[in-house]
C-alpha cells in the first residue's frame, strides 16, 4: 500500500520513528512527490526521510496509521481475553465449547 498517496499541504501525517510515532503537519508537497513538514524534515515520495540521519523514520497517512492502530488494539483485546481464559482454568466443558464456537466465527 502506498503510504503517501494523496498527501497535501496542511494534512496531518504519522511519522514512525525507531521507538515512537509522532503526528506532524505537511508544509508542502513538490511536483516530484517530496514532502516537506513544518518541522523542516523532508521525505521522498516513498515516505522515507531524506538526508543523512542515523535513525530512519517513515511517513504514513493518518488513514494508514489509524488502520494500524485499530489492528493493534484488536490484537491487544484478543490477547487480553486469552489471558483471562488462561487464568480461569476452572471452566466447564460447555463454557469451553462456547468459547471455541465464538473463536471460529
PDB file of N, CA and C in Angstrom:
ATOM      1  N   UNK A   1       0.844  -1.183   0.000  1.00  0.00           N
ATOM      2  CA  UNK A   1       0.000   0.000   0.000  1.00  0.00           C
ATOM      3  C   UNK A   1       0.886   1.241   0.000  1.00  0.00           C
ATOM      4  N   UNK A   2       0.643   2.168  -0.905  1.00  0.00           N
ATOM      5  CA  UNK A   2       1.402   3.403  -0.969  1.00  0.00           C
ATOM      6  C   UNK A   2       0.967   4.275   0.198  1.00  0.00           C
ATOM      7  N   UNK A   3       1.910   4.619   1.049  1.00  0.00           N
ATOM      8  CA  UNK A   3       1.564   5.339   2.272  1.00  0.00           C
ATOM      9  C   UNK A   3       1.532   6.843   2.095  1.00  0.00           C
ATOM     10  N   UNK A   4       1.949   7.373   0.927  1.00  0.00           N
ATOM     11  CA  UNK A   4       1.994   8.822   0.763  1.00  0.00           C
ATOM     12  C   UNK A   4       1.035   9.354  -0.296  1.00  0.00           C
ATOM     13  N   UNK A   5       0.272   8.505  -0.930  1.00  0.00           N
ATOM     14  CA  UNK A   5      -0.667   8.947  -1.963  1.00  0.00           C
ATOM     15  C   UNK A   5      -1.718   9.889  -1.375  1.00  0.00           C
ATOM     16  N   UNK A   6      -1.917  11.000  -2.042  1.00  0.00           N
ATOM     17  CA  UNK A   6      -2.971  11.925  -1.629  1.00  0.00           C
ATOM     18  C   UNK A   6      -2.594  12.883  -0.517  1.00  0.00           C
ATOM     19  N   UNK A   7      -1.360  12.873  -0.074  1.00  0.00           N
ATOM     20  CA  UNK A   7      -0.954  13.820   0.970  1.00  0.00           C
ATOM     21  C   UNK A   7      -0.847  15.206   0.346  1.00  0.00           C
ATOM     22  N   UNK A   8      -1.390  16.203   1.062  1.00  0.00           N
ATOM     23  CA  UNK A   8      -1.350  17.575   0.565  1.00  0.00           C
ATOM     24  C   UNK A   8      -1.015  18.522   1.718  1.00  0.00           C
ATOM     25  N   UNK A   9      -0.607  19.755   1.404  1.00  0.00           N
ATOM     26  CA  UNK A   9      -0.269  20.715   2.462  1.00  0.00           C
ATOM     27  C   UNK A   9      -1.401  20.876   3.471  1.00  0.00           C
ATOM     28  N   UNK A  10      -1.021  20.931   4.736  1.00  0.00           N
ATOM     29  CA  UNK A  10      -1.992  21.072   5.814  1.00  0.00           C
ATOM     30  C   UNK A  10      -2.434  19.752   6.417  1.00  0.00           C
ATOM     31  N   UNK A  11      -2.172  18.642   5.712  1.00  0.00           N
ATOM     32  CA  UNK A  11      -2.545  17.322   6.243  1.00  0.00           C
ATOM     33  C   UNK A  11      -1.700  16.972   7.464  1.00  0.00           C
ATOM     34  N   UNK A  12      -2.275  16.227   8.356  1.00  0.00           N
ATOM     35  CA  UNK A  12      -1.530  15.649   9.475  1.00  0.00           C
ATOM     36  C   UNK A  12      -1.060  14.266   9.031  1.00  0.00           C
ATOM     37  N   UNK A  13       0.187  13.937   9.330  1.00  0.00           N
ATOM     38  CA  UNK A  13       0.738  12.633   8.972  1.00  0.00           C
ATOM     39  C   UNK A  13       1.404  12.024  10.197  1.00  0.00           C
ATOM     40  N   UNK A  14       1.491  10.708  10.184  1.00  0.00           N
ATOM     41  CA  UNK A  14       2.151   9.993  11.274  1.00  0.00           C
ATOM     42  C   UNK A  14       3.577   9.685  10.843  1.00  0.00           C
ATOM     43  N   UNK A  15       4.522   9.994  11.710  1.00  0.00           N
ATOM     44  CA  UNK A  15       5.926   9.713  11.455  1.00  0.00           C
ATOM     45  C   UNK A  15       6.329   8.579  12.384  1.00  0.00           C
ATOM     46  N   UNK A  16       6.663   7.429  11.798  1.00  0.00           N
ATOM     47  CA  UNK A  16       7.069   6.304  12.630  1.00  0.00           C
ATOM     48  C   UNK A  16       8.580   6.305  12.735  1.00  0.00           C
ATOM     49  N   UNK A  17       9.055   6.492  13.942  1.00  0.00           N
ATOM     50  CA  UNK A  17      10.487   6.503  14.210  1.00  0.00           C
ATOM     51  C   UNK A  17      10.932   5.168  14.767  1.00  0.00           C
ATOM     52  N   UNK A  18      12.112   5.160  15.338  1.00  0.00           N
ATOM     53  CA  UNK A  18      12.647   3.911  15.870  1.00  0.00           C
ATOM     54  C   UNK A  18      11.867   3.436  17.100  1.00  0.00           C
ATOM     55  N   UNK A  19      11.447   4.373  17.941  1.00  0.00           N
ATOM     56  CA  UNK A  19      10.790   3.978  19.184  1.00  0.00           C
ATOM     57  C   UNK A  19       9.371   4.498  19.354  1.00  0.00           C
ATOM     58  N   UNK A  20       8.975   5.472  18.543  1.00  0.00           N
ATOM     59  CA  UNK A  20       7.663   6.063  18.762  1.00  0.00           C
ATOM     60  C   UNK A  20       7.068   6.571  17.453  1.00  0.00           C
ATOM     61  N   UNK A  21       5.862   7.094  17.558  1.00  0.00           N
ATOM     62  CA  UNK A  21       5.168   7.669  16.412  1.00  0.00           C
ATOM     63  C   UNK A  21       4.755   9.085  16.789  1.00  0.00           C
ATOM     64  N   UNK A  22       5.057  10.028  15.897  1.00  0.00           N
ATOM     65  CA  UNK A  22       4.703  11.427  16.114  1.00  0.00           C
ATOM     66  C   UNK A  22       3.772  11.887  15.005  1.00  0.00           C
ATOM     67  N   UNK A  23       2.902  12.814  15.338  1.00  0.00           N
ATOM     68  CA  UNK A  23       1.992  13.403  14.357  1.00  0.00           C
ATOM     69  C   UNK A  23       2.547  14.772  13.984  1.00  0.00           C
ATOM     70  N   UNK A  24       2.739  14.995  12.680  1.00  0.00           N
ATOM     71  CA  UNK A  24       3.285  16.259  12.167  1.00  0.00           C
ATOM     72  C   UNK A  24       2.382  16.802  11.072  1.00  0.00           C
ATOM     73  N   UNK A  25       2.593  18.065  10.709  1.00  0.00           N
ATOM     74  CA  UNK A  25       1.800  18.706   9.664  1.00  0.00           C
ATOM     75  C   UNK A  25       2.648  18.896   8.410  1.00  0.00           C
ATOM     76  N   UNK A  26       2.012  18.697   7.244  1.00  0.00           N
ATOM     77  CA  UNK A  26       2.684  18.846   5.961  1.00  0.00           C
ATOM     78  C   UNK A  26       2.704  20.322   5.586  1.00  0.00           C
ATOM     79  N   UNK A  27       3.899  20.824   5.254  1.00  0.00           N
ATOM     80  CA  UNK A  27       4.042  22.214   4.819  1.00  0.00           C
ATOM     81  C   UNK A  27       3.787  22.323   3.322  1.00  0.00           C
ATOM     82  N   UNK A  28       4.455  21.450   2.535  1.00  0.00           N
ATOM     83  CA  UNK A  28       4.238  21.457   1.093  1.00  0.00           C
ATOM     84  C   UNK A  28       4.633  20.118   0.483  1.00  0.00           C
ATOM     85  N   UNK A  29       4.120  19.875  -0.698  1.00  0.00           N
ATOM     86  CA  UNK A  29       4.451  18.674  -1.470  1.00  0.00           C
ATOM     87  C   UNK A  29       4.943  19.152  -2.828  1.00  0.00           C
ATOM     88  N   UNK A  30       6.143  18.724  -3.223  1.00  0.00           N
ATOM     89  CA  UNK A  30       6.709  19.156  -4.501  1.00  0.00           C
ATOM     90  C   UNK A  30       6.075  18.374  -5.649  1.00  0.00           C
ATOM     91  N   UNK A  31       6.233  18.859  -6.883  1.00  0.00           N
ATOM     92  CA  UNK A  31       5.699  18.131  -8.037  1.00  0.00           C
ATOM     93  C   UNK A  31       6.293  16.721  -8.183  1.00  0.00           C
ATOM     94  N   UNK A  32       7.509  16.523  -7.668  1.00  0.00           N
ATOM     95  CA  UNK A  32       8.130  15.188  -7.747  1.00  0.00           C
ATOM     96  C   UNK A  32       7.696  14.280  -6.605  1.00  0.00           C
ATOM     97  N   UNK A  33       6.893  14.806  -5.683  1.00  0.00           N
ATOM     98  CA  UNK A  33       6.375  13.981  -4.600  1.00  0.00           C
ATOM     99  C   UNK A  33       7.092  14.117  -3.279  1.00  0.00           C
ATOM    100  N   UNK A  34       8.125  14.934  -3.206  1.00  0.00           N
ATOM    101  CA  UNK A  34       8.811  15.137  -1.913  1.00  0.00           C
ATOM    102  C   UNK A  34       7.869  15.865  -0.962  1.00  0.00           C
ATOM    103  N   UNK A  35       7.913  15.471   0.289  1.00  0.00           N
ATOM    104  CA  UNK A  35       7.013  16.006   1.301  1.00  0.00           C
ATOM    105  C   UNK A  35       7.828  16.763   2.338  1.00  0.00           C
ATOM    106  N   UNK A  36       7.536  18.048   2.490  1.00  0.00           N
ATOM    107  CA  UNK A  36       8.227  18.892   3.464  1.00  0.00           C
ATOM    108  C   UNK A  36       7.279  19.130   4.632  1.00  0.00           C
ATOM    109  N   UNK A  37       7.766  18.854   5.845  1.00  0.00           N
ATOM    110  CA  UNK A  37       6.953  19.041   7.046  1.00  0.00           C
ATOM    111  C   UNK A  37       7.245  20.386   7.686  1.00  0.00           C
ATOM    112  N   UNK A  38       6.357  20.828   8.557  1.00  0.00           N
ATOM    113  CA  UNK A  38       6.532  22.123   9.220  1.00  0.00           C
ATOM    114  C   UNK A  38       7.741  22.126  10.150  1.00  0.00           C
ATOM    115  N   UNK A  39       8.218  20.953  10.575  1.00  0.00           N
ATOM    116  CA  UNK A  39       9.402  20.899  11.437  1.00  0.00           C
ATOM    117  C   UNK A  39      10.702  20.901  10.626  1.00  0.00           C
ATOM    118  N   UNK A  40      10.597  20.973   9.274  1.00  0.00           N
ATOM    119  CA  UNK A  40      11.780  21.055   8.427  1.00  0.00           C
ATOM    120  C   UNK A  40      12.219  19.750   7.809  1.00  0.00           C
ATOM    121  N   UNK A  41      11.712  18.629   8.280  1.00  0.00           N
ATOM    122  CA  UNK A  41      12.090  17.337   7.708  1.00  0.00           C
ATOM    123  C   UNK A  41      11.497  17.179   6.315  1.00  0.00           C
ATOM    124  N   UNK A  42      12.243  16.483   5.438  1.00  0.00           N
ATOM    125  CA  UNK A  42      11.774  16.210   4.086  1.00  0.00           C
ATOM    126  C   UNK A  42      11.759  14.704   3.865  1.00  0.00           C
ATOM    127  N   UNK A  43      10.701  14.226   3.234  1.00  0.00           N
ATOM    128  CA  UNK A  43      10.531  12.810   2.935  1.00  0.00           C
ATOM    129  C   UNK A  43      10.385  12.640   1.437  1.00  0.00           C
ATOM    130  N   UNK A  44      10.903  11.514   0.906  1.00  0.00           N
ATOM    131  CA  UNK A  44      10.756  11.262  -0.518  1.00  0.00           C
ATOM    132  C   UNK A  44       9.358  10.730  -0.816  1.00  0.00           C
ATOM    133  N   UNK A  45       9.067  10.499  -2.103  1.00  0.00           N
ATOM    134  CA  UNK A  45       7.713  10.083  -2.489  1.00  0.00           C
ATOM    135  C   UNK A  45       7.331   8.711  -1.945  1.00  0.00           C
ATOM    136  N   UNK A  46       8.325   7.934  -1.478  1.00  0.00           N
ATOM    137  CA  UNK A  46       8.060   6.625  -0.877  1.00  0.00           C
ATOM    138  C   UNK A  46       7.900   6.696   0.632  1.00  0.00           C
ATOM    139  N   UNK A  47       7.981   7.903   1.181  1.00  0.00           N
ATOM    140  CA  UNK A  47       7.768   8.081   2.612  1.00  0.00           C
ATOM    141  C   UNK A  47       9.009   7.931   3.461  1.00  0.00           C
ATOM    142  N   UNK A  48      10.185   7.897   2.845  1.00  0.00           N
ATOM    143  CA  UNK A  48      11.434   7.759   3.602  1.00  0.00           C
ATOM    144  C   UNK A  48      12.056   9.125   3.881  1.00  0.00           C
ATOM    145  N   UNK A  49      12.577   9.291   5.077  1.00  0.00           N
ATOM    146  CA  UNK A  49      13.254  10.525   5.463  1.00  0.00           C
ATOM    147  C   UNK A  49      14.493  10.712   4.601  1.00  0.00           C
ATOM    148  N   UNK A  50      14.662  11.901   4.045  1.00  0.00           N
ATOM    149  CA  UNK A  50      15.826  12.176   3.214  1.00  0.00           C
ATOM    150  C   UNK A  50      16.931  12.807   4.043  1.00  0.00           C
ATOM    151  N   UNK A  51      18.128  12.767   3.519  1.00  0.00           N
ATOM    152  CA  UNK A  51      19.268  13.353   4.213  1.00  0.00           C
ATOM    153  C   UNK A  51      20.050  12.301   4.966  1.00  0.00           C
ATOM    154  N   UNK A  52      21.056  12.761   5.683  1.00  0.00           N
ATOM    155  CA  UNK A  52      21.953  11.871   6.411  1.00  0.00           C
ATOM    156  C   UNK A  52      21.521  11.805   7.873  1.00  0.00           C
ATOM    157  N   UNK A  53      20.730  10.785   8.193  1.00  0.00           N
ATOM    158  CA  UNK A  53      20.225  10.621   9.555  1.00  0.00           C
ATOM    159  C   UNK A  53      20.577   9.222  10.045  1.00  0.00           C
ATOM    160  N   UNK A  54      20.987   9.144  11.292  1.00  0.00           N
ATOM    161  CA  UNK A  54      21.341   7.840  11.855  1.00  0.00           C
ATOM    162  C   UNK A  54      20.104   6.962  11.992  1.00  0.00           C
ATOM    163  N   UNK A  55      19.038   7.533  12.545  1.00  0.00           N
ATOM    164  CA  UNK A  55      17.800   6.783  12.698  1.00  0.00           C
ATOM    165  C   UNK A  55      16.869   7.132  11.552  1.00  0.00           C
ATOM    166  N   UNK A  56      16.353   6.152  10.901  1.00  0.00           N
ATOM    167  CA  UNK A  56      15.434   6.370   9.789  1.00  0.00           C
ATOM    168  C   UNK A  56      14.006   6.407  10.292  1.00  0.00           C
ATOM    169  N   UNK A  57      13.217   7.265   9.708  1.00  0.00           N
ATOM    170  CA  UNK A  57      11.793   7.288  10.023  1.00  0.00           C
ATOM    171  C   UNK A  57      11.022   7.272   8.712  1.00  0.00           C
ATOM    172  N   UNK A  58       9.781   6.889   8.813  1.00  0.00           N
ATOM    173  CA  UNK A  58       8.909   6.812   7.642  1.00  0.00           C
ATOM    174  C   UNK A  58       7.643   7.609   7.898  1.00  0.00           C
ATOM    175  N   UNK A  59       7.083   8.109   6.816  1.00  0.00           N
ATOM    176  CA  UNK A  59       5.861   8.894   6.903  1.00  0.00           C
ATOM    177  C   UNK A  59       4.703   8.046   6.378  1.00  0.00           C
ATOM    178  N   UNK A  60       3.593   8.110   7.048  1.00  0.00           N
ATOM    179  CA  UNK A  60       2.395   7.406   6.582  1.00  0.00           C
ATOM    180  C   UNK A  60       1.195   8.329   6.741  1.00  0.00           C
ATOM    181  N   UNK A  61       0.179   8.102   5.926  1.00  0.00           N
ATOM    182  CA  UNK A  61      -1.033   8.913   6.050  1.00  0.00           C
ATOM    183  C   UNK A  61      -1.729   8.572   7.357  1.00  0.00           C
ATOM    184  N   UNK A  62      -2.558   9.471   7.812  1.00  0.00           N
ATOM    185  CA  UNK A  62      -3.300   9.230   9.044  1.00  0.00           C
ATOM    186  C   UNK A  62      -4.228   8.026   8.894  1.00  0.00           C
ATOM    187  N   UNK A  63      -4.754   7.803   7.671  1.00  0.00           N
ATOM    188  CA  UNK A  63      -5.634   6.653   7.457  1.00  0.00           C
ATOM    189  C   UNK A  63      -4.868   5.352   7.698  1.00  0.00           C
ATOM    190  N   UNK A  64      -3.657   5.255   7.158  1.00  0.00           N
ATOM    191  CA  UNK A  64      -2.836   4.057   7.364  1.00  0.00           C
ATOM    192  C   UNK A  64      -2.499   3.898   8.841  1.00  0.00           C
ATOM    193  N   UNK A  65      -2.164   5.010   9.481  1.00  0.00           N
ATOM    194  CA  UNK A  65      -1.822   4.987  10.897  1.00  0.00           C
ATOM    195  C   UNK A  65      -3.007   4.516  11.727  1.00  0.00           C
ATOM    196  N   UNK A  66      -4.195   5.065  11.433  1.00  0.00           N
ATOM    197  CA  UNK A  66      -5.383   4.686  12.198  1.00  0.00           C
ATOM    198  C   UNK A  66      -5.757   3.222  11.975  1.00  0.00           C
ATOM    199  N   UNK A  67      -5.595   2.725  10.736  1.00  0.00           N
ATOM    200  CA  UNK A  67      -5.855   1.313  10.460  1.00  0.00           C
ATOM    201  C   UNK A  67      -4.908   0.426  11.268  1.00  0.00           C
ATOM    202  N   UNK A  68      -3.648   0.804  11.309  1.00  0.00           N
ATOM    203  CA  UNK A  68      -2.654   0.031  12.053  1.00  0.00           C
ATOM    204  C   UNK A  68      -2.950   0.065  13.549  1.00  0.00           C
ATOM    205  N   UNK A  69      -3.333   1.242  14.060  1.00  0.00           N
ATOM    206  CA  UNK A  69      -3.671   1.348  15.480  1.00  0.00           C
ATOM    207  C   UNK A  69      -4.890   0.493  15.817  1.00  0.00           C
ATOM    208  N   UNK A  70      -5.872   0.470  14.926  1.00  0.00           N
ATOM    209  CA  UNK A  70      -7.071  -0.344  15.140  1.00  0.00           C
ATOM    210  C   UNK A  70      -6.705  -1.828  15.164  1.00  0.00           C
ATOM    211  N   UNK A  71      -5.842  -2.244  14.229  1.00  0.00           N
ATOM    212  CA  UNK A  71      -5.406  -3.633  14.180  1.00  0.00           C
ATOM    213  C   UNK A  71      -4.657  -4.020  15.454  1.00  0.00           C
ATOM    214  N   UNK A  72      -3.791  -3.134  15.925  1.00  0.00           N
ATOM    215  CA  UNK A  72      -3.034  -3.397  17.156  1.00  0.00           C
ATOM    216  C   UNK A  72      -3.963  -3.482  18.364  1.00  0.00           C
ATOM    217  N   UNK A  73      -4.987  -2.610  18.400  1.00  0.00           N
ATOM    218  CA  UNK A  73      -5.934  -2.626  19.515  1.00  0.00           C
ATOM    219  C   UNK A  73      -6.741  -3.918  19.521  1.00  0.00           C
ATOM    220  N   UNK A  74      -7.182  -4.368  18.335  1.00  0.00           N
ATOM    221  CA  UNK A  74      -7.924  -5.629  18.248  1.00  0.00           C
ATOM    222  C   UNK A  74      -7.055  -6.795  18.715  1.00  0.00           C
ATOM    223  N   UNK A  75      -5.794  -6.785  18.321  1.00  0.00           N
ATOM    224  CA  UNK A  75      -4.870  -7.842  18.732  1.00  0.00           C
ATOM    225  C   UNK A  75      -4.678  -7.814  20.248  1.00  0.00           C
ATOM    226  N   UNK A  76      -4.542  -6.597  20.817  1.00  0.00           N
ATOM    227  CA  UNK A  76      -4.371  -6.467  22.260  1.00  0.00           C
ATOM    228  C   UNK A  76      -5.604  -6.969  23.005  1.00  0.00           C
ATOM    229  N   UNK A  77      -6.805  -6.647  22.480  1.00  0.00           N
ATOM    230  CA  UNK A  77      -8.044  -7.106  23.109  1.00  0.00           C
ATOM    231  C   UNK A  77      -8.146  -8.627  23.075  1.00  0.00           C
ATOM    232  N   UNK A  78      -7.778  -9.228  21.942  1.00  0.00           N
ATOM    233  CA  UNK A  78      -7.807 -10.690  21.838  1.00  0.00           C
ATOM    234  C   UNK A  78      -6.837 -11.320  22.822  1.00  0.00           C
ATOM    235  N   UNK A  79      -5.660 -10.726  22.958  1.00  0.00           N
ATOM    236  CA  UNK A  79      -4.667 -11.253  23.892  1.00  0.00           C
ATOM    237  C   UNK A  79      -5.168 -11.139  25.324  1.00  0.00           C
ATOM    238  N   UNK A  80      -5.853 -10.053  25.622  1.00  0.00           N
ATOM    239  CA  UNK A  80      -6.406  -9.857  26.962  1.00  0.00           C
ATOM    240  C   UNK A  80      -7.443 -10.933  27.282  1.00  0.00           C
ATOM    241  N   UNK A  81      -8.321 -11.226  26.316  1.00  0.00           N
ATOM    242  CA  UNK A  81      -9.325 -12.276  26.502  1.00  0.00           C
ATOM    243  C   UNK A  81      -8.634 -13.617  26.703  1.00  0.00           C
ATOM    244  N   UNK A  82      -7.637 -13.898  25.882  1.00  0.00           N
ATOM    245  CA  UNK A  82      -6.902 -15.153  26.004  1.00  0.00           C
ATOM    246  C   UNK A  82      -6.259 -15.271  27.386  1.00  0.00           C
ATOM    247  N   UNK A  83      -5.663 -14.182  27.864  1.00  0.00           N
ATOM    248  CA  UNK A  83      -5.032 -14.193  29.181  1.00  0.00           C
ATOM    249  C   UNK A  83      -6.055 -14.469  30.278  1.00  0.00           C
ATOM    250  N   UNK A  84      -7.242 -13.873  30.156  1.00  0.00           N
ATOM    251  CA  UNK A  84      -8.290 -14.100  31.148  1.00  0.00           C
ATOM    252  C   UNK A  84      -8.742 -15.564  31.133  1.00  0.00           C
ATOM    253  N   UNK A  85      -8.850 -16.132  29.937  1.00  0.00           N
ATOM    254  CA  UNK A  85      -9.247 -17.543  29.828  1.00  0.00           C
ATOM    255  C   UNK A  85      -8.198 -18.431  30.479  1.00  0.00           C
ATOM    256  N   UNK A  86      -6.941 -18.135  30.221  1.00  0.00           N
ATOM    257  CA  UNK A  86      -5.855 -18.938  30.789  1.00  0.00           C
ATOM    258  C   UNK A  86      -5.825 -18.848  32.314  1.00  0.00           C
ATOM    259  N   UNK A  87      -6.161 -17.688  32.840  1.00  0.00           N
ATOM    260  CA  UNK A  87      -6.171 -17.513  34.293  1.00  0.00           C
ATOM    261  C   UNK A  87      -7.353 -18.232  34.936  1.00  0.00           C
ATOM    262  N   UNK A  88      -8.438 -18.384  34.193  1.00  0.00           N
ATOM    263  CA  UNK A  88      -9.636 -19.003  34.728  1.00  0.00           C
ATOM    264  C   UNK A  88      -9.768 -20.409  34.145  1.00  0.00           C
ATOM    265  N   UNK A  89      -8.934 -21.309  34.614  1.00  0.00           N
ATOM    266  CA  UNK A  89      -8.913 -22.660  34.038  1.00  0.00           C
ATOM    267  C   UNK A  89     -10.017 -23.553  34.579  1.00  0.00           C
ATOM    268  N   UNK A  90     -10.845 -23.053  35.454  1.00  0.00           N
ATOM    269  CA  UNK A  90     -11.939 -23.835  36.021  1.00  0.00           C
ATOM    270  C   UNK A  90     -13.223 -23.669  35.218  1.00  0.00           C
ATOM    271  N   UNK A  91     -13.112 -23.674  33.906  1.00  0.00           N
ATOM    272  CA  UNK A  91     -14.285 -23.533  33.062  1.00  0.00           C
ATOM    273  C   UNK A  91     -14.927 -24.894  32.820  1.00  0.00           C
ATOM    274  N   UNK A  92     -16.230 -24.870  32.672  1.00  0.00           N
ATOM    275  CA  UNK A  92     -16.932 -26.117  32.372  1.00  0.00           C
ATOM    276  C   UNK A  92     -16.730 -26.468  30.901  1.00  0.00           C
ATOM    277  N   UNK A  93     -17.066 -27.695  30.554  1.00  0.00           N
ATOM    278  CA  UNK A  93     -16.953 -28.132  29.168  1.00  0.00           C
ATOM    279  C   UNK A  93     -17.848 -27.279  28.275  1.00  0.00           C
ATOM    280  N   UNK A  94     -19.041 -26.967  28.754  1.00  0.00           N
ATOM    281  CA  UNK A  94     -19.972 -26.139  27.989  1.00  0.00           C
ATOM    282  C   UNK A  94     -19.382 -24.749  27.736  1.00  0.00           C
ATOM    283  N   UNK A  95     -18.765 -24.159  28.750  1.00  0.00           N
ATOM    284  CA  UNK A  95     -18.154 -22.844  28.582  1.00  0.00           C
ATOM    285  C   UNK A  95     -17.012 -22.895  27.564  1.00  0.00           C
ATOM    286  N   UNK A  96     -16.203 -23.914  27.640  1.00  0.00           N
ATOM    287  CA  UNK A  96     -15.096 -24.065  26.692  1.00  0.00           C
ATOM    288  C   UNK A  96     -15.613 -24.240  25.262  1.00  0.00           C
ATOM    289  N   UNK A  97     -16.691 -25.009  25.095  1.00  0.00           N
ATOM    290  CA  UNK A  97     -17.270 -25.206  23.769  1.00  0.00           C
ATOM    291  C   UNK A  97     -17.829 -23.896  23.214  1.00  0.00           C
ATOM    292  N   UNK A  98     -18.438 -23.077  24.069  1.00  0.00           N
ATOM    293  CA  UNK A  98     -18.950 -21.781  23.617  1.00  0.00           C
ATOM    294  C   UNK A  98     -17.805 -20.856  23.210  1.00  0.00           C
ATOM    295  N   UNK A  99     -16.728 -20.881  23.955  1.00  0.00           N
ATOM    296  CA  UNK A  99     -15.552 -20.068  23.609  1.00  0.00           C
ATOM    297  C   UNK A  99     -14.987 -20.518  22.271  1.00  0.00           C
ATOM    298  N   UNK A 100     -14.877 -21.805  22.088  1.00  0.00           N
ATOM    299  CA  UNK A 100     -14.367 -22.341  20.823  1.00  0.00           C
ATOM    300  C   UNK A 100     -15.268 -21.940  19.654  1.00  0.00           C
ATOM    301  N   UNK A 101     -16.572 -21.997  19.853  1.00  0.00           N
ATOM    302  CA  UNK A 101     -17.518 -21.606  18.804  1.00  0.00           C
ATOM    303  C   UNK A 101     -17.343 -20.143  18.429  1.00  0.00           C
ATOM    304  N   UNK A 102     -17.196 -19.295  19.415  1.00  0.00           N
ATOM    305  CA  UNK A 102     -17.001 -17.863  19.180  1.00  0.00           C
ATOM    306  C   UNK A 102     -15.684 -17.614  18.440  1.00  0.00           C
ATOM    307  N   UNK A 103     -14.638 -18.342  18.812  1.00  0.00           N
ATOM    308  CA  UNK A 103     -13.339 -18.174  18.169  1.00  0.00           C
ATOM    309  C   UNK A 103     -13.365 -18.570  16.697  1.00  0.00           C
ATOM    310  N   UNK A 104     -14.222 -19.504  16.347  1.00  0.00           N
ATOM    311  CA  UNK A 104     -14.301 -19.962  14.968  1.00  0.00           C
ATOM    312  C   UNK A 104     -15.089 -19.019  14.073  1.00  0.00           C
ATOM    313  N   UNK A 105     -15.840 -18.086  14.675  1.00  0.00           N
ATOM    314  CA  UNK A 105     -16.649 -17.140  13.890  1.00  0.00           C
ATOM    315  C   UNK A 105     -15.780 -16.175  13.116  1.00  0.00           C
TER     316      UNK A 105
END
